[in-house]
Amino acid sequence: MGLTERQRAGVAAVDELGKELSEFHRLIWSYAEPAWREYRSAQAYVDLLKAEGFEVEEGSGGMPTAFHARWGDGGPAIGMYAEYDASPGYSQDTVPYRQPRPGLHPWAPGFTDAHSALGVGALAGAIATKRAIERTGGRGVVHLFGEPAEKVCGSKAVHAAKGYYDGLDAVISYHPLFENTAVWDIHNCLYWSAVFTFQCFEAQRDDAPPWISGDPLEGSGMGAHNSVRSPGALDALGLMLTATKYAKENMFPRTGLWSLNEAILGAANATADNLPPRITQIQFSWRSPLIGVQEQILEVLRRNATHVAGLANCEVSMRWVTRTRPGLKNHVMAQATYENLLELGPRRFAPEAYEFARELERTLGHEPSDDPFRPMLYQVTDPREHDAATRATLPPWQDCTGADDCTEYTWHAPTVRFYTAKPLLRVVGEDLNHWANNAMNGLAPAIDPVWGYAGEVIAATALRLVDDAGLLAAATEEFERNRDAAPEALRDPLLPRDFAPPVELPWPEYVTTARGFEWQLPTTTDFGEKL
């Protein structure tokens, strides 16, 4: 179709932002802060957006590392969002060999699926849309949300529950991936997560039954150190972990693609003498295509927690981390974005990106190739073709897969989800999170074209929605039709409006102590004798 004058102004604005945002991307990449702990990253976004003229609400939704930036007065309200959380356990420097970032433990965070580039792509699109409207005299409202903790699908369900998305007319959702395309039918599944806390109180409390009846050592003179102690919270955690693994067979039959994962949260019990730990916490996160499956898994988890707490003489509590809904499709939005992907791409990469990739090939034991990258980097894939490839991996009845809390936007306004391709090595196949691929996420010649392409597509799509009332009306009609046809239980957010985000739980983070600034894991590599 070609681009309008206003769209071309948006694309040009992305180009003029290139050097500044390349440096900004490297800054966010260097912070590599994990979920709920993106303090420096969020502040960097806030400062830049304020300098650009956006009104910014910091700490939106009660989340210290979230924000809501707004610019414009009148016209269609277009939503976009930035993510900036890194993944613990994947620290990798920008070098063609395996090495964590300087001074950090190998299991410190790093960017696997390039949320650093995701956020900067959205930032480029938001600023470019604003500048194009200013320069060409149009009207439109740009909303850019800072969305922390995507790795636990944390913030978007909170923003949705608290009404932040209610006034949007359309939303553009972006992620770097392995191809250039938009999502057609198959969006992400439901994703729920909760933390179970076990606490071991004194046995003589009126509301806690004693572990034993009487004291068998009474009058023996053997002293308190020899009295019977309650098994404690550590036993409860171990039992919960084991019982839940056994109970997976009874949660839901393996007729669809669903998953349940766990993580143990930190507890300061390492110097507790011979006393049983009084508190432990374990997080369970599960995804599936149907709300009934989610509820069944939840019921098994609650039942297991109650039983093991009784066995270990503990009290148990459950706190929600998130509850997301599956995504709603919007073909009108997907088609419009696909047209802009075709018009503006795909990207070309500088020679430095290829040389770096060949060094990676050498390190991995392969002969350097003329083109180290996967061929999908150089093509734009039709959304229907992408959808068919995804559907081939699913049972016939399953209409969603994977997890991302971007699905929350789809219930509030017409939403498109699109991808631009990162340069991924052929020699590591489908492994997006391989250290060699992660190394390129911080390399400007390899990653800047990825978020730059996204910024242009975001601006071009947003500006078309601002100008084309017919397109926006068609997208809105499809959105309302699909929402009204969806199960009633999913039409409203699954978290209450007064939900307290779990930001104060002991999530992994960087700390500053007398030893300096470090990741909370030990900085030593001396873990004793290897067994």
Protein backbone atom coordinates (compact mmCIF):
# COMPACT_ATOMS: atom_id res chain seq x y z
CA MET A 1 0.00 0.00 0.00
CA GLY A 2 2.92 2.37 0.62
CA LEU A 3 3.30 4.74 3.56
CA THR A 4 1.52 8.04 4.11
CA GLU A 5 3.43 11.25 4.71
CA ARG A 6 2.75 10.98 8.45
CA GLN A 7 3.94 7.38 8.56
CA ARG A 8 7.12 8.33 6.73
CA ALA A 9 7.67 11.05 9.34
CA GLY A 10 7.37 8.39 12.05
CA VAL A 11 9.89 6.13 10.33
CA ALA A 12 12.30 9.04 9.92
CA ALA A 13 11.97 9.84 13.62
CA VAL A 14 13.07 6.30 14.53
CA ASP A 15 16.13 6.77 12.36
CA GLU A 16 17.05 10.06 14.01
CA LEU A 17 16.76 8.41 17.44
CA GLY A 18 19.17 5.64 16.41
CA LYS A 19 22.40 6.71 18.13
CA GLU A 20 20.75 7.89 21.34
CA LEU A 21 18.64 4.77 21.74
CA SER A 22 21.53 2.47 20.84
CA GLU A 23 23.36 3.85 23.86
CA PHE A 24 20.18 3.61 25.92
CA HIS A 25 19.75 -0.03 24.91
CA ARG A 26 23.29 -0.85 25.99
CA LEU A 27 22.56 0.84 29.35
CA ILE A 28 19.45 -1.29 29.97
CA TRP A 29 21.32 -4.40 28.79
CA SER A 30 24.14 -3.62 31.26
CA TYR A 31 21.71 -3.32 34.19
CA ALA A 32 20.17 -6.76 33.53
CA GLU A 33 17.78 -6.49 36.48
CA PRO A 34 15.36 -9.36 37.16
CA ALA A 35 11.60 -9.39 37.81
CA TRP A 36 10.22 -6.80 40.27
CA ARG A 37 13.76 -5.44 40.83
CA GLU A 38 14.29 -3.30 37.69
CA TYR A 39 14.90 -0.10 39.69
CA ARG A 40 17.64 1.49 37.57
CA SER A 41 16.08 0.37 34.29
CA ALA A 42 12.67 1.82 35.10
CA GLN A 43 14.21 5.10 36.27
CA ALA A 44 16.17 5.40 33.03
CA TYR A 45 12.95 5.06 31.02
CA VAL A 46 11.12 7.56 33.21
CA ASP A 47 13.87 10.16 32.92
CA LEU A 48 14.10 9.85 29.13
CA LEU A 49 10.32 10.00 28.64
CA LYS A 50 9.96 13.06 30.85
CA ALA A 51 12.72 14.80 28.89
CA GLU A 52 10.80 13.97 25.69
CA GLY A 53 7.66 15.67 27.03
CA PHE A 54 5.58 12.72 28.25
CA GLU A 55 3.58 12.90 31.44
CA VAL A 56 4.78 9.96 33.53
CA GLU A 57 3.18 8.24 36.48
CA GLU A 58 5.94 6.44 38.33
CA GLY A 59 5.20 3.28 40.31
CA SER A 60 1.90 2.73 38.49
CA GLY A 61 -0.44 0.10 39.93
CA GLY A 62 1.49 0.01 43.19
CA MET A 63 4.56 -1.48 41.44
CA PRO A 64 7.77 0.48 42.14
CA THR A 65 9.38 -0.50 38.81
CA ALA A 66 6.31 0.14 36.64
CA PHE A 67 5.29 3.38 34.96
CA HIS A 68 2.61 4.87 32.71
CA ALA A 69 3.73 7.53 30.24
CA ARG A 70 1.18 9.57 28.29
CA TRP A 71 1.41 12.20 25.56
CA GLY A 72 -1.27 13.88 23.45
CA ASP A 73 -4.63 15.57 23.71
CA GLY A 74 -7.50 14.07 21.74
CA GLY A 75 -7.73 11.52 18.97
CA PRO A 76 -7.31 7.74 19.16
CA ALA A 77 -5.47 6.44 22.23
CA ILE A 78 -2.80 3.94 21.16
CA GLY A 79 -1.16 1.73 23.77
CA MET A 80 2.38 0.33 23.66
CA TYR A 81 4.61 -1.11 26.36
CA ALA A 82 8.23 -1.66 27.35
CA GLU A 83 9.66 -4.61 29.23
CA TYR A 84 13.13 -4.57 30.78
CA ASP A 85 13.46 -7.57 33.13
CA ALA A 86 16.30 -10.07 32.70
CA SER A 87 16.41 -13.81 33.43
CA PRO A 88 18.38 -15.08 36.46
CA GLY A 89 20.92 -17.71 35.53
CA TYR A 90 21.84 -16.38 32.08
CA SER A 91 24.57 -13.79 32.53
CA GLN A 92 26.61 -13.54 29.33
CA ASP A 93 29.04 -10.85 28.26
CA THR A 94 29.22 -9.55 24.68
CA VAL A 95 32.16 -11.76 23.77
CA PRO A 96 32.38 -14.74 21.36
CA TYR A 97 33.02 -17.23 24.16
CA ARG A 98 31.15 -18.25 27.30
CA GLN A 99 31.76 -15.68 30.04
CA PRO A 100 29.44 -13.86 32.47
CA ARG A 101 29.39 -10.09 32.55
CA PRO A 102 32.48 -8.76 34.37
CA GLY A 103 32.39 -9.14 38.13
CA LEU A 104 29.22 -11.21 38.23
CA HIS A 105 28.42 -14.81 38.96
CA PRO A 106 27.51 -17.00 35.94
CA TRP A 107 24.01 -17.45 37.38
CA ALA A 108 23.34 -13.73 37.66
CA PRO A 109 20.69 -12.38 35.26
CA GLY A 110 21.09 -11.76 31.57
CA PHE A 111 18.84 -11.09 28.59
CA THR A 112 17.79 -14.32 26.90
CA ASP A 113 14.86 -13.25 24.74
CA ALA A 114 16.08 -9.65 24.57
CA HIS A 115 13.61 -7.76 26.71
CA SER A 116 16.20 -4.99 26.55
CA ALA A 117 15.50 -4.70 22.81
CA LEU A 118 11.77 -5.21 23.30
CA GLY A 119 11.57 -2.17 25.53
CA VAL A 120 13.75 0.05 23.34
CA GLY A 121 11.77 -0.93 20.24
CA ALA A 122 8.55 0.16 21.93
CA LEU A 123 10.23 3.31 23.25
CA ALA A 124 11.40 4.19 19.73
CA GLY A 125 7.90 3.60 18.36
CA ALA A 126 6.26 5.73 21.05
CA ILE A 127 8.61 8.69 20.68
CA ALA A 128 8.51 8.49 16.87
CA THR A 129 4.69 8.44 16.87
CA LYS A 130 4.66 11.52 19.11
CA ARG A 131 7.17 13.42 16.98
CA ALA A 132 5.37 12.56 13.74
CA ILE A 133 2.06 13.84 15.13
CA GLU A 134 3.74 17.02 16.38
CA ARG A 135 5.44 17.68 13.06
CA THR A 136 2.50 16.93 10.77
CA GLY A 137 -0.28 18.45 12.83
CA GLY A 138 -2.32 15.35 13.59
CA ARG A 139 -4.12 14.26 16.74
CA GLY A 140 -3.58 11.15 18.79
CA VAL A 141 -2.69 10.02 22.29
CA VAL A 142 0.36 7.83 22.90
CA HIS A 143 0.45 5.60 25.98
CA LEU A 144 3.67 3.76 26.86
CA PHE A 145 3.48 1.42 29.83
CA GLY A 146 6.53 0.24 31.71
CA GLU A 147 5.80 -3.42 32.42
CA PRO A 148 8.12 -5.12 34.93
CA ALA A 149 8.36 -8.81 35.81
CA GLU A 150 7.26 -10.34 32.51
CA LYS A 151 9.24 -13.46 33.42
CA VAL A 152 6.58 -14.14 36.05
CA CYS A 153 3.80 -12.52 33.95
CA GLY A 154 3.60 -10.01 36.75
CA SER A 155 2.59 -6.46 35.87
CA LYS A 156 0.05 -6.49 33.06
CA ALA A 157 -2.55 -8.42 35.03
CA VAL A 158 -2.14 -5.79 37.76
CA HIS A 159 -2.45 -2.82 35.38
CA ALA A 160 -5.50 -4.48 33.80
CA ALA A 161 -7.19 -5.10 37.14
CA LYS A 162 -6.65 -1.50 38.21
CA GLY A 163 -8.17 -0.05 35.03
CA TYR A 164 -5.08 1.32 33.29
CA TYR A 165 -6.04 -0.15 29.89
CA ASP A 166 -9.73 0.78 29.95
CA GLY A 167 -9.42 3.93 27.84
CA LEU A 168 -7.26 2.53 25.06
CA ASP A 169 -8.53 2.38 21.47
CA ALA A 170 -5.83 -0.03 20.21
CA VAL A 171 -2.65 -1.71 21.46
CA ILE A 172 0.58 -2.73 19.72
CA SER A 173 2.49 -5.57 21.40
CA TYR A 174 6.04 -6.33 20.27
CA HIS A 175 8.67 -8.99 21.02
CA PRO A 176 12.01 -9.90 19.40
CA LEU A 177 11.91 -13.53 18.29
CA PHE A 178 13.17 -15.76 15.46
CA GLU A 179 11.02 -14.44 12.59
CA ASN A 180 9.37 -11.30 11.25
CA THR A 181 5.62 -11.77 11.50
CA ALA A 182 2.41 -10.97 13.35
CA VAL A 183 0.27 -13.36 15.39
CA TRP A 184 -2.97 -14.47 13.71
CA ASP A 185 -5.11 -16.85 15.78
CA ILE A 186 -2.88 -18.60 18.30
CA HIS A 187 -1.97 -16.32 21.18
CA ASN A 188 -0.64 -17.22 24.61
CA CYS A 189 -2.37 -19.35 27.26
CA LEU A 190 -3.51 -18.67 30.80
CA TYR A 191 -0.64 -18.30 33.26
CA TRP A 192 -1.14 -18.37 37.02
CA SER A 193 1.45 -18.19 39.78
CA ALA A 194 1.26 -18.32 43.59
CA VAL A 195 3.66 -18.46 46.53
CA PHE A 196 2.99 -20.87 49.41
CA THR A 197 4.48 -19.84 52.74
CA PHE A 198 5.00 -22.39 55.54
CA GLN A 199 5.56 -21.09 59.08
CA CYS A 200 6.31 -23.14 62.19
CA PHE A 201 5.03 -21.48 65.36
CA GLU A 202 5.45 -22.53 68.99
CA ALA A 203 3.67 -25.77 69.78
CA GLN A 204 2.19 -24.34 72.98
CA ARG A 205 0.15 -21.75 71.10
CA ASP A 206 -3.56 -22.17 71.74
CA ASP A 207 -4.35 -22.30 68.01
CA ALA A 208 -1.55 -24.75 67.09
CA PRO A 209 -1.78 -28.41 68.11
CA PRO A 210 1.27 -29.88 69.87
CA TRP A 211 3.50 -32.14 67.78
CA ILE A 212 3.54 -34.74 70.56
CA SER A 213 1.30 -35.47 73.54
CA GLY A 214 3.27 -34.64 76.65
CA ASP A 215 7.06 -34.56 77.05
CA PRO A 216 8.64 -38.03 77.15
CA LEU A 217 11.81 -36.53 78.63
CA GLU A 218 10.07 -34.73 81.47
CA GLY A 219 12.01 -35.26 84.70
CA SER A 220 14.96 -36.90 82.93
CA GLY A 221 17.27 -33.98 83.42
CA MET A 222 18.45 -34.26 79.81
CA GLY A 223 17.82 -30.58 79.07
CA ALA A 224 16.06 -28.57 76.38
CA HIS A 225 18.53 -29.47 73.63
CA ASN A 226 17.31 -33.04 73.75
CA SER A 227 13.57 -32.34 73.65
CA VAL A 228 11.47 -33.23 70.63
CA ARG A 229 11.17 -30.46 68.08
CA SER A 230 8.55 -29.99 65.43
CA PRO A 231 9.81 -31.06 61.99
CA GLY A 232 9.57 -27.41 60.83
CA ALA A 233 9.00 -25.37 57.72
CA LEU A 234 11.86 -26.92 55.73
CA ASP A 235 10.18 -30.31 55.99
CA ALA A 236 6.92 -28.77 54.78
CA LEU A 237 8.65 -27.27 51.74
CA GLY A 238 10.34 -30.56 50.89
CA LEU A 239 7.08 -32.44 51.26
CA MET A 240 5.24 -29.87 49.13
CA LEU A 241 7.81 -30.13 46.37
CA THR A 242 7.73 -33.93 46.36
CA ALA A 243 3.99 -34.35 46.80
CA THR A 244 3.27 -31.96 43.94
CA LYS A 245 5.63 -33.78 41.59
CA TYR A 246 3.85 -37.04 42.40
CA ALA A 247 0.44 -35.39 42.09
CA LYS A 248 1.08 -34.11 38.55
CA GLU A 249 -0.40 -37.33 37.22
CA ASN A 250 -3.66 -36.49 38.98
CA MET A 251 -3.91 -32.86 37.99
CA PHE A 252 -4.93 -33.11 34.37
CA PRO A 253 -4.38 -35.79 31.71
CA ARG A 254 -1.55 -35.30 29.25
CA THR A 255 -3.95 -34.64 26.40
CA GLY A 256 -2.89 -31.02 25.95
CA LEU A 257 0.20 -28.85 26.36
CA TRP A 258 0.32 -27.58 29.94
CA SER A 259 3.12 -27.11 32.44
CA LEU A 260 3.75 -26.64 36.16
CA ASN A 261 7.05 -25.28 37.46
CA GLU A 262 8.38 -24.43 40.88
CA ALA A 263 11.03 -22.20 42.47
CA ILE A 264 12.18 -21.96 46.08
CA LEU A 265 12.29 -18.40 47.40
CA GLY A 266 15.13 -17.30 49.68
CA ALA A 267 15.06 -17.68 53.48
CA ALA A 268 17.68 -16.57 56.02
CA ASN A 269 18.12 -19.87 57.89
CA ALA A 270 21.74 -20.75 57.15
CA THR A 271 23.03 -19.99 60.68
CA ALA A 272 20.10 -21.42 62.62
CA ASP A 273 22.12 -23.77 64.86
CA ASN A 274 20.15 -26.99 65.26
CA LEU A 275 16.75 -25.32 65.31
CA PRO A 276 14.25 -26.17 62.57
CA PRO A 277 13.65 -23.32 60.09
CA ARG A 278 10.53 -21.36 61.00
CA ILE A 279 9.62 -20.10 57.52
CA THR A 280 10.02 -21.33 53.94
CA GLN A 281 8.42 -20.25 50.67
CA ILE A 282 7.89 -21.99 47.35
CA GLN A 283 6.44 -20.54 44.15
CA PHE A 284 4.40 -22.58 41.68
CA SER A 285 3.63 -21.30 38.19
CA TRP A 286 1.35 -23.09 35.77
CA ARG A 287 0.04 -22.50 32.27
CA SER A 288 -2.64 -24.23 30.24
CA PRO A 289 -5.17 -23.47 27.49
CA LEU A 290 -8.35 -23.68 29.63
CA ILE A 291 -9.52 -22.01 32.82
CA GLY A 292 -10.88 -25.35 34.05
CA VAL A 293 -7.40 -26.87 33.86
CA GLN A 294 -5.96 -23.92 35.76
CA GLU A 295 -8.54 -24.32 38.51
CA GLN A 296 -7.95 -28.07 38.76
CA ILE A 297 -4.20 -27.55 39.21
CA LEU A 298 -4.89 -24.85 41.79
CA GLU A 299 -7.12 -27.17 43.77
CA VAL A 300 -4.43 -29.90 43.87
CA LEU A 301 -1.82 -27.36 45.00
CA ARG A 302 -4.05 -26.06 47.78
CA ARG A 303 -4.85 -29.60 48.92
CA ASN A 304 -1.19 -30.62 48.94
CA ALA A 305 -0.20 -27.50 50.90
CA THR A 306 -2.82 -28.15 53.58
CA HIS A 307 -1.78 -31.79 53.99
CA VAL A 308 1.98 -31.21 54.19
CA ALA A 309 1.53 -28.32 56.62
CA GLY A 310 -0.30 -30.70 58.91
CA LEU A 311 2.44 -33.30 58.61
CA ALA A 312 5.13 -30.76 59.49
CA ASN A 313 3.15 -28.92 62.20
CA CYS A 314 3.14 -25.68 60.19
CA GLU A 315 0.70 -23.05 59.13
CA VAL A 316 0.45 -22.41 55.40
CA SER A 317 -0.65 -19.37 53.41
CA MET A 318 -1.05 -18.81 49.66
CA ARG A 319 -0.41 -15.49 47.94
CA TRP A 320 -1.12 -14.83 44.29
CA VAL A 321 1.67 -13.54 42.08
CA THR A 322 -0.43 -13.29 38.91
CA ARG A 323 -3.45 -14.66 37.05
CA THR A 324 -3.57 -13.94 33.32
CA ARG A 325 -6.11 -14.74 30.63
CA PRO A 326 -5.54 -16.24 27.15
CA GLY A 327 -5.16 -13.85 24.24
CA LEU A 328 -7.94 -12.65 21.95
CA LYS A 329 -7.14 -12.60 18.23
CA ASN A 330 -7.62 -9.56 16.00
CA HIS A 331 -7.11 -10.20 12.29
CA VAL A 332 -7.63 -6.56 11.29
CA MET A 333 -4.76 -5.42 13.49
CA ALA A 334 -2.55 -8.34 12.48
CA GLN A 335 -3.04 -7.68 8.76
CA ALA A 336 -2.33 -3.95 9.08
CA THR A 337 0.89 -4.64 11.01
CA TYR A 338 1.95 -7.36 8.56
CA GLU A 339 1.64 -4.87 5.71
CA ASN A 340 4.01 -2.51 7.55
CA LEU A 341 6.45 -5.36 8.21
CA LEU A 342 6.52 -6.00 4.47
CA GLU A 343 6.83 -2.33 3.60
CA LEU A 344 9.70 -1.61 6.01
CA GLY A 345 11.75 -4.79 6.12
CA PRO A 346 13.31 -7.13 6.63
CA ARG A 347 16.55 -5.75 8.05
CA ARG A 348 20.12 -5.91 6.84
CA PHE A 349 23.00 -6.23 9.31
CA ALA A 350 26.45 -4.67 9.45
CA PRO A 351 29.58 -6.77 8.70
CA GLU A 352 30.55 -6.66 12.40
CA ALA A 353 27.50 -8.79 13.27
CA TYR A 354 28.59 -11.50 10.82
CA GLU A 355 32.21 -11.46 12.01
CA PHE A 356 31.11 -11.82 15.63
CA ALA A 357 28.82 -14.72 14.67
CA ARG A 358 31.68 -16.48 12.84
CA GLU A 359 33.80 -16.19 15.97
CA LEU A 360 30.96 -17.84 17.88
CA GLU A 361 30.91 -20.64 15.32
CA ARG A 362 34.65 -21.20 15.86
CA THR A 363 34.19 -21.29 19.63
CA LEU A 364 31.42 -23.87 19.23
CA GLY A 365 33.70 -26.09 17.13
CA HIS A 366 32.27 -25.33 13.68
CA GLU A 367 33.85 -24.02 10.53
CA PRO A 368 32.90 -20.35 10.01
CA SER A 369 30.20 -19.99 7.38
CA ASP A 370 29.45 -17.31 4.82
CA ASP A 371 26.16 -16.64 6.60
CA PRO A 372 25.95 -17.90 10.20
CA PHE A 373 22.34 -16.82 10.69
CA ARG A 374 19.04 -18.63 10.28
CA PRO A 375 17.29 -17.84 6.96
CA MET A 376 14.08 -16.59 8.59
CA LEU A 377 16.02 -13.44 9.49
CA TYR A 378 15.76 -12.31 5.88
CA GLN A 379 12.07 -12.84 5.18
CA VAL A 380 8.70 -11.63 6.40
CA THR A 381 6.39 -14.51 7.22
CA ASP A 382 2.67 -14.29 6.51
CA PRO A 383 0.78 -14.46 9.84
CA ARG A 384 -1.38 -17.29 8.51
CA GLU A 385 1.73 -19.30 7.64
CA HIS A 386 3.18 -18.68 11.10
CA ASP A 387 -0.14 -19.69 12.63
CA ALA A 388 -0.26 -22.94 10.65
CA ALA A 389 3.26 -23.88 11.79
CA THR A 390 2.31 -23.26 15.41
CA ARG A 391 -0.96 -25.14 15.13
CA ALA A 392 0.85 -28.20 13.79
CA THR A 393 2.51 -28.56 17.20
CA LEU A 394 -0.78 -28.51 19.17
CA PRO A 395 -3.69 -30.89 19.77
CA PRO A 396 -6.59 -30.00 17.44
CA TRP A 397 -8.73 -28.57 20.26
CA GLN A 398 -6.02 -26.31 21.72
CA ASP A 399 -6.15 -22.71 20.52
CA CYS A 400 -3.32 -21.10 22.50
CA THR A 401 0.19 -21.94 23.63
CA GLY A 402 3.03 -20.57 25.73
CA ALA A 403 2.71 -17.75 28.23
CA ASP A 404 3.07 -13.98 28.21
CA ASP A 405 1.00 -11.47 30.16
CA CYS A 406 0.61 -9.29 27.04
CA THR A 407 -2.65 -11.22 26.62
CA GLU A 408 -4.24 -8.94 29.22
CA TYR A 409 -4.21 -6.07 26.74
CA THR A 410 -6.27 -8.09 24.25
CA TRP A 411 -9.32 -8.02 26.55
CA HIS A 412 -9.37 -4.21 26.76
CA ALA A 413 -8.76 -3.03 23.18
CA PRO A 414 -7.98 -4.36 19.69
CA THR A 415 -4.43 -5.69 19.98
CA VAL A 416 -1.75 -6.94 17.61
CA ARG A 417 1.22 -9.06 18.66
CA PHE A 418 4.18 -8.96 16.27
CA TYR A 419 7.82 -10.04 16.14
CA THR A 420 11.04 -8.95 14.48
CA ALA A 421 13.78 -11.52 14.04
CA LYS A 422 16.97 -11.53 16.08
CA PRO A 423 20.10 -12.82 14.31
CA LEU A 424 20.21 -16.39 15.66
CA LEU A 425 22.92 -18.93 14.85
CA ARG A 426 22.04 -21.87 12.64
CA VAL A 427 24.40 -24.16 14.57
CA VAL A 428 22.43 -24.07 17.84
CA GLY A 429 19.11 -24.79 16.19
CA GLU A 430 15.96 -23.83 18.05
CA ASP A 431 17.69 -22.88 21.32
CA LEU A 432 16.91 -19.17 21.61
CA ASN A 433 18.49 -19.01 25.08
CA HIS A 434 21.84 -20.59 24.19
CA TRP A 435 24.67 -18.48 25.60
CA ALA A 436 26.03 -17.81 22.09
CA ASN A 437 22.73 -16.28 20.99
CA ASN A 438 22.52 -14.32 24.24
CA ALA A 439 25.96 -12.83 23.56
CA MET A 440 24.57 -11.05 20.49
CA ASN A 441 21.74 -9.41 22.48
CA GLY A 442 24.22 -6.82 23.73
CA LEU A 443 26.04 -6.30 20.42
CA ALA A 444 24.86 -3.11 18.72
CA PRO A 445 25.43 -4.24 15.09
CA ALA A 446 23.38 -7.39 15.80
CA ILE A 447 20.57 -6.05 18.00
CA ASP A 448 20.03 -2.41 16.97
CA PRO A 449 18.49 -3.33 13.59
CA VAL A 450 16.07 -5.64 15.44
CA TRP A 451 14.57 -3.00 17.74
CA GLY A 452 14.93 -0.30 15.06
CA TYR A 453 12.77 -2.33 12.66
CA ALA A 454 10.23 -2.80 15.45
CA GLY A 455 10.17 0.91 16.26
CA GLU A 456 9.42 1.76 12.62
CA VAL A 457 6.62 -0.83 12.42
CA ILE A 458 5.11 0.38 15.70
CA ALA A 459 5.15 4.01 14.58
CA ALA A 460 3.76 3.22 11.12
CA THR A 461 0.97 1.06 12.58
CA ALA A 462 0.07 3.56 15.30
CA LEU A 463 -0.04 6.45 12.84
CA ARG A 464 -2.25 4.53 10.42
CA LEU A 465 -4.66 3.79 13.28
CA VAL A 466 -4.65 7.49 14.18
CA ASP A 467 -5.51 8.52 10.61
CA ASP A 468 -7.63 5.64 9.30
CA ALA A 469 -10.97 5.75 11.11
CA GLY A 470 -12.28 2.86 9.02
CA LEU A 471 -9.40 0.60 10.00
CA LEU A 472 -9.82 1.39 13.70
CA ALA A 473 -13.58 0.85 13.48
CA ALA A 474 -13.11 -2.55 11.83
CA ALA A 475 -10.55 -3.58 14.47
CA THR A 476 -12.91 -2.45 17.22
CA GLU A 477 -15.86 -4.33 15.76
CA GLU A 478 -13.80 -7.54 15.60
CA PHE A 479 -12.54 -6.99 19.14
CA GLU A 480 -16.05 -6.56 20.54
CA ARG A 481 -17.33 -9.59 18.64
CA ASN A 482 -14.52 -11.86 19.85
CA ARG A 483 -14.72 -10.62 23.42
CA ASP A 484 -18.48 -11.15 23.58
CA ALA A 485 -18.09 -14.70 22.24
CA ALA A 486 -15.48 -15.60 24.87
CA PRO A 487 -16.33 -17.37 28.15
CA GLU A 488 -17.92 -14.94 30.59
CA ALA A 489 -15.44 -15.95 33.31
CA LEU A 490 -12.62 -14.41 31.26
CA ARG A 491 -14.13 -11.06 30.32
CA ASP A 492 -13.03 -9.30 33.49
CA PRO A 493 -9.52 -9.35 34.98
CA LEU A 494 -8.89 -12.37 37.19
CA LEU A 495 -7.18 -10.29 39.88
CA PRO A 496 -9.26 -7.95 42.07
CA ARG A 497 -8.97 -4.19 41.63
CA ASP A 498 -7.39 -3.85 45.09
CA PHE A 499 -4.77 -6.54 44.42
CA ALA A 500 -1.47 -5.87 46.19
CA PRO A 501 1.42 -6.65 43.80
CA PRO A 502 3.85 -9.09 45.48
CA VAL A 503 6.82 -6.76 45.13
CA GLU A 504 8.09 -7.26 48.69
CA LEU A 505 8.53 -11.02 48.46
CA PRO A 506 12.17 -12.23 48.42
CA TRP A 507 12.68 -12.22 44.66
CA PRO A 508 16.24 -12.54 43.30
CA GLU A 509 18.05 -9.22 43.15
CA TYR A 510 21.32 -7.32 43.17
CA VAL A 511 22.51 -6.13 46.59
CA THR A 512 25.02 -3.63 47.95
CA THR A 513 26.93 -4.69 51.04
CA ALA A 514 30.32 -3.97 52.63
CA ARG A 515 31.66 -6.32 49.94
CA GLY A 516 30.33 -4.03 47.20
CA PHE A 517 27.66 -4.32 44.50
CA GLU A 518 26.96 -7.95 43.64
CA TRP A 519 24.40 -10.52 42.65
CA GLN A 520 22.89 -12.22 45.70
CA LEU A 521 24.38 -15.58 44.74
CA PRO A 522 27.92 -16.15 46.05
CA THR A 523 30.55 -14.44 43.94
CA THR A 524 33.02 -17.23 44.67
CA THR A 525 33.48 -20.26 42.47
CA ASP A 526 34.86 -22.29 45.38
CA PHE A 527 32.03 -24.62 46.34
CA GLY A 528 34.23 -27.27 47.88
CA GLU A 529 34.98 -30.76 46.67
CA LYS A 530 33.15 -31.94 43.57
CA LEU A 531 31.38 -35.20 44.38
